[in-house]
Full PDB file with SEQRES, HELIX, SHEET, SSBOND, CRYST1, ORIGX, SCALE, CONECT and MASTER records, all heavy atoms in Angstrom:
SEQRES   1 A   38  SER GLU TRP MET PRO PHE SER SER GLU GLN TYR ASN PHE          
SEQRES   2 A   38  LEU GLY ASN SER THR ARG LEU PHE PHE MET ASN ALA THR          
SEQRES   3 A   38  MET MET LYS LEU PRO VAL ALA GLY PHE HIS CYS PHE              
SHEET    1 AA1 3 PHE A   6  PHE A  13  0                                        
SHEET    2 AA1 3 THR A  18  MET A  27 -1                                        
SHEET    3 AA1 3 LEU A  30  CYS A  37 -1                                        
CRYST1    1.000    1.000    1.000  90.00  90.00  90.00 P 1           1          
ORIGX1      1.000000  0.000000  0.000000        0.00000                         
ORIGX2      0.000000  1.000000  0.000000        0.00000                         
ORIGX3      0.000000  0.000000  1.000000        0.00000                         
SCALE1      1.000000  0.000000  0.000000        0.00000                         
SCALE2      0.000000  1.000000  0.000000        0.00000                         
SCALE3      0.000000  0.000000  1.000000        0.00000                         
ATOM      1  N   SER A   1     -11.928  23.140  34.827  1.00  0.00           N  
ATOM      2  CA  SER A   1     -12.433  23.642  33.548  1.00  0.00           C  
ATOM      3  C   SER A   1     -13.244  22.443  32.845  1.00  0.00           C  
ATOM      4  O   SER A   1     -12.994  21.356  33.068  1.00  0.00           O  
ATOM      5  CB  SER A   1     -11.253  23.947  32.621  1.00  0.00           C  
ATOM      6  OG  SER A   1     -10.446  24.995  33.157  1.00  0.00           O  
ATOM      7  N   GLU A   2     -14.193  22.984  31.984  1.00  0.00           N  
ATOM      8  CA  GLU A   2     -14.988  21.957  31.176  1.00  0.00           C  
ATOM      9  C   GLU A   2     -14.112  21.520  30.052  1.00  0.00           C  
ATOM     10  O   GLU A   2     -13.161  22.223  29.522  1.00  0.00           O  
ATOM     11  CB  GLU A   2     -16.241  22.683  30.632  1.00  0.00           C  
ATOM     12  CG  GLU A   2     -17.262  22.970  31.682  1.00  0.00           C  
ATOM     13  CD  GLU A   2     -18.538  23.528  31.012  1.00  0.00           C  
ATOM     14  OE1 GLU A   2     -18.565  23.491  29.797  1.00  0.00           O  
ATOM     15  OE2 GLU A   2     -19.440  23.883  31.844  1.00  0.00           O  
ATOM     16  N   TRP A   3     -14.308  20.314  29.639  1.00  0.00           N  
ATOM     17  CA  TRP A   3     -13.586  19.778  28.467  1.00  0.00           C  
ATOM     18  C   TRP A   3     -13.976  20.457  27.200  1.00  0.00           C  
ATOM     19  O   TRP A   3     -15.218  20.697  26.964  1.00  0.00           O  
ATOM     20  CB  TRP A   3     -13.846  18.352  28.297  1.00  0.00           C  
ATOM     21  CG  TRP A   3     -13.147  17.472  29.328  1.00  0.00           C  
ATOM     22  CD1 TRP A   3     -13.694  16.840  30.463  1.00  0.00           C  
ATOM     23  CD2 TRP A   3     -11.788  16.942  29.264  1.00  0.00           C  
ATOM     24  NE1 TRP A   3     -12.732  16.172  31.140  1.00  0.00           N  
ATOM     25  CE2 TRP A   3     -11.535  16.159  30.418  1.00  0.00           C  
ATOM     26  CE3 TRP A   3     -10.710  17.285  28.442  1.00  0.00           C  
ATOM     27  CZ2 TRP A   3     -10.308  15.615  30.736  1.00  0.00           C  
ATOM     28  CZ3 TRP A   3      -9.525  16.688  28.673  1.00  0.00           C  
ATOM     29  CH2 TRP A   3      -9.246  15.894  29.855  1.00  0.00           C  
ATOM     30  N   MET A   4     -13.060  20.819  26.333  1.00  0.00           N  
ATOM     31  CA  MET A   4     -13.359  21.435  25.035  1.00  0.00           C  
ATOM     32  C   MET A   4     -13.108  20.442  23.938  1.00  0.00           C  
ATOM     33  O   MET A   4     -11.967  19.941  23.807  1.00  0.00           O  
ATOM     34  CB  MET A   4     -12.432  22.660  24.833  1.00  0.00           C  
ATOM     35  CG  MET A   4     -12.684  23.810  25.796  1.00  0.00           C  
ATOM     36  SD  MET A   4     -11.730  25.297  25.300  1.00  0.00           S  
ATOM     37  CE  MET A   4      -9.997  24.756  25.288  1.00  0.00           C  
ATOM     38  N   PRO A   5     -14.109  20.080  23.165  1.00  0.00           N  
ATOM     39  CA  PRO A   5     -13.923  19.132  22.043  1.00  0.00           C  
ATOM     40  C   PRO A   5     -13.017  19.841  20.967  1.00  0.00           C  
ATOM     41  O   PRO A   5     -13.125  21.048  20.803  1.00  0.00           O  
ATOM     42  CB  PRO A   5     -15.252  18.818  21.587  1.00  0.00           C  
ATOM     43  CG  PRO A   5     -16.136  19.971  22.029  1.00  0.00           C  
ATOM     44  CD  PRO A   5     -15.464  20.412  23.297  1.00  0.00           C  
ATOM     45  N   PHE A   6     -12.237  19.028  20.258  1.00  0.00           N  
ATOM     46  CA  PHE A   6     -11.331  19.605  19.212  1.00  0.00           C  
ATOM     47  C   PHE A   6     -11.123  18.627  18.109  1.00  0.00           C  
ATOM     48  O   PHE A   6     -11.314  17.381  18.264  1.00  0.00           O  
ATOM     49  CB  PHE A   6     -10.041  20.118  19.830  1.00  0.00           C  
ATOM     50  CG  PHE A   6      -9.063  18.975  20.032  1.00  0.00           C  
ATOM     51  CD1 PHE A   6      -8.225  18.528  19.071  1.00  0.00           C  
ATOM     52  CD2 PHE A   6      -8.956  18.360  21.305  1.00  0.00           C  
ATOM     53  CE1 PHE A   6      -7.299  17.505  19.279  1.00  0.00           C  
ATOM     54  CE2 PHE A   6      -8.097  17.260  21.502  1.00  0.00           C  
ATOM     55  CZ  PHE A   6      -7.241  16.890  20.528  1.00  0.00           C  
ATOM     56  N   SER A   7     -10.786  19.131  17.002  1.00  0.00           N  
ATOM     57  CA  SER A   7     -10.112  18.332  15.983  1.00  0.00           C  
ATOM     58  C   SER A   7      -8.881  19.009  15.520  1.00  0.00           C  
ATOM     59  O   SER A   7      -8.715  20.230  15.680  1.00  0.00           O  
ATOM     60  CB  SER A   7     -11.086  18.204  14.736  1.00  0.00           C  
ATOM     61  OG  SER A   7     -11.344  19.497  14.238  1.00  0.00           O  
ATOM     62  N   SER A   8      -7.938  18.219  14.974  1.00  0.00           N  
ATOM     63  CA  SER A   8      -6.596  18.755  14.731  1.00  0.00           C  
ATOM     64  C   SER A   8      -6.044  18.204  13.483  1.00  0.00           C  
ATOM     65  O   SER A   8      -6.403  16.953  13.052  1.00  0.00           O  
ATOM     66  CB  SER A   8      -5.612  18.605  15.902  1.00  0.00           C  
ATOM     67  OG  SER A   8      -5.287  17.221  16.012  1.00  0.00           O  
ATOM     68  N   GLU A   9      -5.158  18.893  12.815  1.00  0.00           N  
ATOM     69  CA  GLU A   9      -4.435  18.499  11.701  1.00  0.00           C  
ATOM     70  C   GLU A   9      -2.970  18.861  11.888  1.00  0.00           C  
ATOM     71  O   GLU A   9      -2.641  19.858  12.318  1.00  0.00           O  
ATOM     72  CB  GLU A   9      -4.927  19.107  10.400  1.00  0.00           C  
ATOM     73  CG  GLU A   9      -4.372  18.456   9.095  1.00  0.00           C  
ATOM     74  CD  GLU A   9      -5.235  18.904   7.867  1.00  0.00           C  
ATOM     75  OE1 GLU A   9      -6.318  18.321   7.727  1.00  0.00           O  
ATOM     76  OE2 GLU A   9      -4.758  19.755   7.144  1.00  0.00           O  
ATOM     77  N   GLN A  10      -2.011  17.846  11.628  1.00  0.00           N  
ATOM     78  CA  GLN A  10      -0.614  18.088  12.059  1.00  0.00           C  
ATOM     79  C   GLN A  10       0.292  17.553  10.999  1.00  0.00           C  
ATOM     80  O   GLN A  10       0.003  16.521  10.366  1.00  0.00           O  
ATOM     81  CB  GLN A  10      -0.503  17.226  13.396  1.00  0.00           C  
ATOM     82  CG  GLN A  10       0.940  17.204  13.855  1.00  0.00           C  
ATOM     83  CD  GLN A  10       1.098  16.289  15.121  1.00  0.00           C  
ATOM     84  OE1 GLN A  10       0.210  16.264  15.945  1.00  0.00           O  
ATOM     85  NE2 GLN A  10       2.208  15.716  15.308  1.00  0.00           N  
ATOM     86  N   TYR A  11       1.335  18.225  10.813  1.00  0.00           N  
ATOM     87  CA  TYR A  11       2.406  17.870   9.824  1.00  0.00           C  
ATOM     88  C   TYR A  11       3.748  17.881  10.483  1.00  0.00           C  
ATOM     89  O   TYR A  11       4.203  18.750  11.072  1.00  0.00           O  
ATOM     90  CB  TYR A  11       2.429  18.955   8.679  1.00  0.00           C  
ATOM     91  CG  TYR A  11       1.082  19.111   8.091  1.00  0.00           C  
ATOM     92  CD1 TYR A  11       0.168  20.050   8.585  1.00  0.00           C  
ATOM     93  CD2 TYR A  11       0.664  18.458   6.899  1.00  0.00           C  
ATOM     94  CE1 TYR A  11      -1.105  20.321   7.987  1.00  0.00           C  
ATOM     95  CE2 TYR A  11      -0.611  18.639   6.394  1.00  0.00           C  
ATOM     96  CZ  TYR A  11      -1.448  19.592   6.849  1.00  0.00           C  
ATOM     97  OH  TYR A  11      -2.675  19.792   6.371  1.00  0.00           O  
ATOM     98  N   ASN A  12       4.401  16.691  10.348  1.00  0.00           N  
ATOM     99  CA  ASN A  12       5.741  16.578  10.851  1.00  0.00           C  
ATOM    100  C   ASN A  12       6.761  16.225   9.686  1.00  0.00           C  
ATOM    101  O   ASN A  12       6.518  15.447   8.858  1.00  0.00           O  
ATOM    102  CB  ASN A  12       5.841  15.391  11.819  1.00  0.00           C  
ATOM    103  CG  ASN A  12       5.213  15.762  13.172  1.00  0.00           C  
ATOM    104  OD1 ASN A  12       4.009  16.127  13.203  1.00  0.00           O  
ATOM    105  ND2 ASN A  12       5.944  15.502  14.200  1.00  0.00           N  
ATOM    106  N   PHE A  13       7.918  16.898   9.694  1.00  0.00           N  
ATOM    107  CA  PHE A  13       8.987  16.742   8.704  1.00  0.00           C  
ATOM    108  C   PHE A  13      10.262  16.437   9.478  1.00  0.00           C  
ATOM    109  O   PHE A  13      10.757  17.202  10.287  1.00  0.00           O  
ATOM    110  CB  PHE A  13       9.125  18.025   7.855  1.00  0.00           C  
ATOM    111  CG  PHE A  13       7.894  18.492   7.070  1.00  0.00           C  
ATOM    112  CD1 PHE A  13       7.008  19.299   7.763  1.00  0.00           C  
ATOM    113  CD2 PHE A  13       7.662  17.995   5.861  1.00  0.00           C  
ATOM    114  CE1 PHE A  13       5.813  19.664   7.068  1.00  0.00           C  
ATOM    115  CE2 PHE A  13       6.489  18.350   5.143  1.00  0.00           C  
ATOM    116  CZ  PHE A  13       5.609  19.263   5.838  1.00  0.00           C  
ATOM    117  N   LEU A  14      10.770  15.206   9.198  1.00  0.00           N  
ATOM    118  CA  LEU A  14      11.969  14.734   9.909  1.00  0.00           C  
ATOM    119  C   LEU A  14      13.227  15.481   9.581  1.00  0.00           C  
ATOM    120  O   LEU A  14      14.035  15.800  10.421  1.00  0.00           O  
ATOM    121  CB  LEU A  14      12.166  13.241   9.673  1.00  0.00           C  
ATOM    122  CG  LEU A  14      11.292  12.385  10.552  1.00  0.00           C  
ATOM    123  CD1 LEU A  14      11.705  12.536  12.017  1.00  0.00           C  
ATOM    124  CD2 LEU A  14       9.858  12.525  10.425  1.00  0.00           C  
ATOM    125  N   GLY A  15      13.546  15.718   8.276  1.00  0.00           N  
ATOM    126  CA  GLY A  15      14.774  16.257   7.805  1.00  0.00           C  
ATOM    127  C   GLY A  15      15.138  17.620   8.473  1.00  0.00           C  
ATOM    128  O   GLY A  15      16.195  17.860   8.961  1.00  0.00           O  
ATOM    129  N   ASN A  16      14.168  18.576   8.402  1.00  0.00           N  
ATOM    130  CA  ASN A  16      14.313  19.888   8.963  1.00  0.00           C  
ATOM    131  C   ASN A  16      13.709  20.124  10.311  1.00  0.00           C  
ATOM    132  O   ASN A  16      13.447  21.244  10.682  1.00  0.00           O  
ATOM    133  CB  ASN A  16      13.937  20.925   7.939  1.00  0.00           C  
ATOM    134  CG  ASN A  16      12.413  20.807   7.564  1.00  0.00           C  
ATOM    135  OD1 ASN A  16      11.761  19.945   8.047  1.00  0.00           O  
ATOM    136  ND2 ASN A  16      12.047  21.653   6.638  1.00  0.00           N  
ATOM    137  N   SER A  17      13.290  19.014  10.873  1.00  0.00           N  
ATOM    138  CA  SER A  17      12.698  19.007  12.269  1.00  0.00           C  
ATOM    139  C   SER A  17      11.562  20.072  12.384  1.00  0.00           C  
ATOM    140  O   SER A  17      11.650  20.995  13.165  1.00  0.00           O  
ATOM    141  CB  SER A  17      13.756  19.279  13.306  1.00  0.00           C  
ATOM    142  OG  SER A  17      14.802  18.392  13.215  1.00  0.00           O  
ATOM    143  N   THR A  18      10.524  19.787  11.663  1.00  0.00           N  
ATOM    144  CA  THR A  18       9.368  20.793  11.715  1.00  0.00           C  
ATOM    145  C   THR A  18       8.164  20.045  12.124  1.00  0.00           C  
ATOM    146  O   THR A  18       7.874  18.884  11.696  1.00  0.00           O  
ATOM    147  CB  THR A  18       9.120  21.322  10.236  1.00  0.00           C  
ATOM    148  OG1 THR A  18      10.338  22.066   9.916  1.00  0.00           O  
ATOM    149  CG2 THR A  18       7.948  22.313  10.283  1.00  0.00           C  
ATOM    150  N   ARG A  19       7.374  20.719  12.942  1.00  0.00           N  
ATOM    151  CA  ARG A  19       6.096  20.221  13.413  1.00  0.00           C  
ATOM    152  C   ARG A  19       5.023  21.422  13.474  1.00  0.00           C  
ATOM    153  O   ARG A  19       5.242  22.391  14.024  1.00  0.00           O  
ATOM    154  CB  ARG A  19       6.168  19.667  14.838  1.00  0.00           C  
ATOM    155  CG  ARG A  19       4.818  19.162  15.431  1.00  0.00           C  
ATOM    156  CD  ARG A  19       5.057  18.600  16.842  1.00  0.00           C  
ATOM    157  NE  ARG A  19       3.853  17.997  17.399  1.00  0.00           N  
ATOM    158  CZ  ARG A  19       2.823  18.533  18.030  1.00  0.00           C  
ATOM    159  NH1 ARG A  19       2.914  19.915  18.379  1.00  0.00           N  
ATOM    160  NH2 ARG A  19       1.844  17.945  18.579  1.00  0.00           N  
ATOM    161  N   LEU A  20       3.990  21.160  12.616  1.00  0.00           N  
ATOM    162  CA  LEU A  20       2.945  22.210  12.489  1.00  0.00           C  
ATOM    163  C   LEU A  20       1.655  21.644  12.876  1.00  0.00           C  
ATOM    164  O   LEU A  20       1.208  20.613  12.347  1.00  0.00           O  
ATOM    165  CB  LEU A  20       2.904  22.734  11.031  1.00  0.00           C  
ATOM    166  CG  LEU A  20       4.140  23.133  10.326  1.00  0.00           C  
ATOM    167  CD1 LEU A  20       3.968  23.448   8.950  1.00  0.00           C  
ATOM    168  CD2 LEU A  20       4.743  24.416  11.102  1.00  0.00           C  
ATOM    169  N   PHE A  21       1.089  22.123  14.020  1.00  0.00           N  
ATOM    170  CA  PHE A  21      -0.120  21.573  14.601  1.00  0.00           C  
ATOM    171  C   PHE A  21      -1.196  22.545  14.551  1.00  0.00           C  
ATOM    172  O   PHE A  21      -1.187  23.611  15.231  1.00  0.00           O  
ATOM    173  CB  PHE A  21       0.265  21.122  16.040  1.00  0.00           C  
ATOM    174  CG  PHE A  21      -0.920  20.511  16.845  1.00  0.00           C  
ATOM    175  CD1 PHE A  21      -1.320  19.207  16.735  1.00  0.00           C  
ATOM    176  CD2 PHE A  21      -1.822  21.349  17.603  1.00  0.00           C  
ATOM    177  CE1 PHE A  21      -2.375  18.666  17.496  1.00  0.00           C  
ATOM    178  CE2 PHE A  21      -2.835  20.847  18.368  1.00  0.00           C  
ATOM    179  CZ  PHE A  21      -3.210  19.508  18.317  1.00  0.00           C  
ATOM    180  N   PHE A  22      -2.287  22.279  13.904  1.00  0.00           N  
ATOM    181  CA  PHE A  22      -3.454  23.096  13.806  1.00  0.00           C  
ATOM    182  C   PHE A  22      -4.669  22.523  14.506  1.00  0.00           C  
ATOM    183  O   PHE A  22      -4.979  21.376  14.312  1.00  0.00           O  
ATOM    184  CB  PHE A  22      -3.858  23.319  12.241  1.00  0.00           C  
ATOM    185  CG  PHE A  22      -2.828  23.919  11.470  1.00  0.00           C  
ATOM    186  CD1 PHE A  22      -1.818  23.083  10.782  1.00  0.00           C  
ATOM    187  CD2 PHE A  22      -2.646  25.268  11.253  1.00  0.00           C  
ATOM    188  CE1 PHE A  22      -0.847  23.552   9.997  1.00  0.00           C  
ATOM    189  CE2 PHE A  22      -1.698  25.791  10.471  1.00  0.00           C  
ATOM    190  CZ  PHE A  22      -0.769  24.945   9.827  1.00  0.00           C  
ATOM    191  N   MET A  23      -5.233  23.237  15.358  1.00  0.00           N  
ATOM    192  CA  MET A  23      -6.452  22.781  16.123  1.00  0.00           C  
ATOM    193  C   MET A  23      -7.643  23.665  16.100  1.00  0.00           C  
ATOM    194  O   MET A  23      -7.547  24.894  16.173  1.00  0.00           O  
ATOM    195  CB  MET A  23      -5.923  22.681  17.629  1.00  0.00           C  
ATOM    196  CG  MET A  23      -7.052  22.193  18.608  1.00  0.00           C  
ATOM    197  SD  MET A  23      -6.616  22.389  20.309  1.00  0.00           S  
ATOM    198  CE  MET A  23      -6.806  24.092  20.536  1.00  0.00           C  
ATOM    199  N   ASN A  24      -8.805  23.049  15.971  1.00  0.00           N  
ATOM    200  CA  ASN A  24     -10.048  23.792  16.042  1.00  0.00           C  
ATOM    201  C   ASN A  24     -10.820  23.217  17.186  1.00  0.00           C  
ATOM    202  O   ASN A  24     -11.147  22.040  17.197  1.00  0.00           O  
ATOM    203  CB  ASN A  24     -10.843  23.652  14.743  1.00  0.00           C  
ATOM    204  CG  ASN A  24     -10.273  24.458  13.654  1.00  0.00           C  
ATOM    205  OD1 ASN A  24     -10.016  25.603  13.725  1.00  0.00           O  
ATOM    206  ND2 ASN A  24     -10.001  23.776  12.500  1.00  0.00           N  
ATOM    207  N   ALA A  25     -11.084  24.069  18.204  1.00  0.00           N  
ATOM    208  CA  ALA A  25     -11.817  23.612  19.432  1.00  0.00           C  
ATOM    209  C   ALA A  25     -13.018  24.492  19.611  1.00  0.00           C  
ATOM    210  O   ALA A  25     -13.364  25.471  18.877  1.00  0.00           O  
ATOM    211  CB  ALA A  25     -10.925  23.665  20.599  1.00  0.00           C  
ATOM    212  N   THR A  26     -13.933  24.101  20.612  1.00  0.00           N  
ATOM    213  CA  THR A  26     -15.127  24.823  20.943  1.00  0.00           C  
ATOM    214  C   THR A  26     -15.056  25.032  22.516  1.00  0.00           C  
ATOM    215  O   THR A  26     -14.951  24.114  23.313  1.00  0.00           O  
ATOM    216  CB  THR A  26     -16.388  24.106  20.588  1.00  0.00           C  
ATOM    217  OG1 THR A  26     -16.310  23.856  19.204  1.00  0.00           O  
ATOM    218  CG2 THR A  26     -17.535  24.850  20.881  1.00  0.00           C  
ATOM    219  N   MET A  27     -15.143  26.432  22.894  1.00  0.00           N  
ATOM    220  CA  MET A  27     -15.232  26.754  24.187  1.00  0.00           C  
ATOM    221  C   MET A  27     -16.439  27.605  24.483  1.00  0.00           C  
ATOM    222  O   MET A  27     -16.628  28.673  23.884  1.00  0.00           O  
ATOM    223  CB  MET A  27     -13.888  27.560  24.627  1.00  0.00           C  
ATOM    224  CG  MET A  27     -13.775  28.125  26.008  1.00  0.00           C  
ATOM    225  SD  MET A  27     -12.268  28.931  26.482  1.00  0.00           S  
ATOM    226  CE  MET A  27     -12.350  30.375  25.442  1.00  0.00           C  
ATOM    227  N   MET A  28     -17.379  27.132  25.385  1.00  0.00           N  
ATOM    228  CA  MET A  28     -18.693  27.717  25.601  1.00  0.00           C  
ATOM    229  C   MET A  28     -19.390  28.101  24.330  1.00  0.00           C  
ATOM    230  O   MET A  28     -19.806  29.215  24.093  1.00  0.00           O  
ATOM    231  CB  MET A  28     -18.355  29.009  26.544  1.00  0.00           C  
ATOM    232  CG  MET A  28     -17.927  28.663  27.912  1.00  0.00           C  
ATOM    233  SD  MET A  28     -17.773  30.137  29.029  1.00  0.00           S  
ATOM    234  CE  MET A  28     -16.347  30.942  28.128  1.00  0.00           C  
ATOM    235  N   LYS A  29     -19.342  27.177  23.388  1.00  0.00           N  
ATOM    236  CA  LYS A  29     -19.951  27.237  22.112  1.00  0.00           C  
ATOM    237  C   LYS A  29     -19.359  28.218  21.182  1.00  0.00           C  
ATOM    238  O   LYS A  29     -19.906  28.505  20.077  1.00  0.00           O  
ATOM    239  CB  LYS A  29     -21.540  27.491  22.280  1.00  0.00           C  
ATOM    240  CG  LYS A  29     -22.258  26.496  23.088  1.00  0.00           C  
ATOM    241  CD  LYS A  29     -23.787  26.856  23.167  1.00  0.00           C  
ATOM    242  CE  LYS A  29     -24.521  25.717  23.898  1.00  0.00           C  
ATOM    243  NZ  LYS A  29     -25.979  26.038  23.993  1.00  0.00           N  
ATOM    244  N   LEU A  30     -18.239  28.753  21.547  1.00  0.00           N  
ATOM    245  CA  LEU A  30     -17.524  29.598  20.671  1.00  0.00           C  
ATOM    246  C   LEU A  30     -16.210  28.914  20.101  1.00  0.00           C  
ATOM    247  O   LEU A  30     -15.561  28.137  20.715  1.00  0.00           O  
ATOM    248  CB  LEU A  30     -17.054  30.919  21.344  1.00  0.00           C  
ATOM    249  CG  LEU A  30     -18.191  31.802  21.964  1.00  0.00           C  
ATOM    250  CD1 LEU A  30     -17.592  32.966  22.814  1.00  0.00           C  
ATOM    251  CD2 LEU A  30     -18.994  32.342  20.815  1.00  0.00           C  
ATOM    252  N   PRO A  31     -15.967  29.179  18.773  1.00  0.00           N  
ATOM    253  CA  PRO A  31     -14.803  28.543  18.162  1.00  0.00           C  
ATOM    254  C   PRO A  31     -13.459  29.079  18.681  1.00  0.00           C  
ATOM    255  O   PRO A  31     -13.352  30.294  18.828  1.00  0.00           O  
ATOM    256  CB  PRO A  31     -14.993  28.840  16.689  1.00  0.00           C  
ATOM    257  CG  PRO A  31     -15.758  30.092  16.601  1.00  0.00           C  
ATOM    258  CD  PRO A  31     -16.687  29.949  17.816  1.00  0.00           C  
ATOM    259  N   VAL A  32     -12.491  28.121  18.863  1.00  0.00           N  
ATOM    260  CA  VAL A  32     -11.161  28.503  19.323  1.00  0.00           C  
ATOM    261  C   VAL A  32     -10.158  27.786  18.315  1.00  0.00           C  
ATOM    262  O   VAL A  32     -10.258  26.728  18.088  1.00  0.00           O  
ATOM    263  CB  VAL A  32     -10.855  28.077  20.755  1.00  0.00           C  
ATOM    264  CG1 VAL A  32      -9.381  28.333  21.091  1.00  0.00           C  
ATOM    265  CG2 VAL A  32     -11.792  28.708  21.727  1.00  0.00           C  
ATOM    266  N   ALA A  33      -9.280  28.607  17.804  1.00  0.00           N  
ATOM    267  CA  ALA A  33      -8.273  28.111  16.867  1.00  0.00           C  
ATOM    268  C   ALA A  33      -6.885  28.152  17.563  1.00  0.00           C  
ATOM    269  O   ALA A  33      -6.548  29.129  18.211  1.00  0.00           O  
ATOM    270  CB  ALA A  33      -8.238  29.007  15.586  1.00  0.00           C  
ATOM    271  N   GLY A  34      -6.105  27.085  17.370  1.00  0.00           N  
ATOM    272  CA  GLY A  34      -4.871  27.035  17.928  1.00  0.00           C  
ATOM    273  C   GLY A  34      -3.855  26.547  16.902  1.00  0.00           C  
ATOM    274  O   GLY A  34      -4.119  25.819  15.984  1.00  0.00           O  
ATOM    275  N   PHE A  35      -2.544  27.077  17.124  1.00  0.00           N  
ATOM    276  CA  PHE A  35      -1.493  26.783  16.126  1.00  0.00           C  
ATOM    277  C   PHE A  35      -0.219  26.627  16.944  1.00  0.00           C  
ATOM    278  O   PHE A  35       0.221  27.502  17.663  1.00  0.00           O  
ATOM    279  CB  PHE A  35      -1.369  27.837  15.147  1.00  0.00           C  
ATOM    280  CG  PHE A  35      -0.153  27.690  14.153  1.00  0.00           C  
ATOM    281  CD1 PHE A  35       0.069  26.388  13.599  1.00  0.00           C  
ATOM    282  CD2 PHE A  35       0.624  28.731  13.744  1.00  0.00           C  
ATOM    283  CE1 PHE A  35       1.143  26.189  12.732  1.00  0.00           C  
ATOM    284  CE2 PHE A  35       1.678  28.549  12.841  1.00  0.00           C  
ATOM    285  CZ  PHE A  35       1.865  27.216  12.325  1.00  0.00           C  
ATOM    286  N   HIS A  36       0.362  25.453  16.893  1.00  0.00           N  
ATOM    287  CA  HIS A  36       1.679  25.238  17.454  1.00  0.00           C  
ATOM    288  C   HIS A  36       2.706  25.087  16.295  1.00  0.00           C  
ATOM    289  O   HIS A  36       2.457  24.248  15.394  1.00  0.00           O  
ATOM    290  CB  HIS A  36       1.834  23.904  18.294  1.00  0.00           C  
ATOM    291  CG  HIS A  36       1.018  23.956  19.591  1.00  0.00           C  
ATOM    292  ND1 HIS A  36       1.643  23.750  20.769  1.00  0.00           N  
ATOM    293  CD2 HIS A  36      -0.205  24.229  19.813  1.00  0.00           C  
ATOM    294  CE1 HIS A  36       0.743  23.815  21.791  1.00  0.00           C  
ATOM    295  NE2 HIS A  36      -0.398  24.197  21.230  1.00  0.00           N  
ATOM    296  N   CYS A  37       3.794  25.830  16.362  1.00  0.00           N  
ATOM    297  CA  CYS A  37       4.821  25.851  15.288  1.00  0.00           C  
ATOM    298  C   CYS A  37       6.145  25.551  15.825  1.00  0.00           C  
ATOM    299  O   CYS A  37       6.584  26.315  16.758  1.00  0.00           O  
ATOM    300  CB  CYS A  37       4.768  27.204  14.539  1.00  0.00           C  
ATOM    301  SG  CYS A  37       6.036  27.308  13.215  1.00  0.00           S  
ATOM    302  N   PHE A  38       6.717  24.606  15.347  1.00  0.00           N  
ATOM    303  CA  PHE A  38       8.123  24.076  15.801  1.00  0.00           C  
ATOM    304  C   PHE A  38       8.920  23.984  14.541  1.00  0.00           C  
ATOM    305  O   PHE A  38       8.680  23.185  13.607  1.00  0.00           O  
ATOM    306  CB  PHE A  38       8.090  22.779  16.523  1.00  0.00           C  
ATOM    307  CG  PHE A  38       9.396  22.199  16.883  1.00  0.00           C  
ATOM    308  CD1 PHE A  38      10.202  22.731  17.957  1.00  0.00           C  
ATOM    309  CD2 PHE A  38       9.916  21.199  16.070  1.00  0.00           C  
ATOM    310  CE1 PHE A  38      11.401  22.108  18.233  1.00  0.00           C  
ATOM    311  CE2 PHE A  38      11.135  20.585  16.356  1.00  0.00           C  
ATOM    312  CZ  PHE A  38      11.964  21.082  17.483  1.00  0.00           C  
TER     313      PHE A  38                                                      
MASTER        0    0    0    0    3    0    0    6  312    1    0    3          
END                                                                             
């Protein structure tokens, strides 16, 4: 696969063990959005 450039913003909270990861990438010049929720 070709490499997809991305930028991300992430929030971690220790007390309630939360991780929110937001990503904006580009695939074949089209925008791709990603979200990991823990």
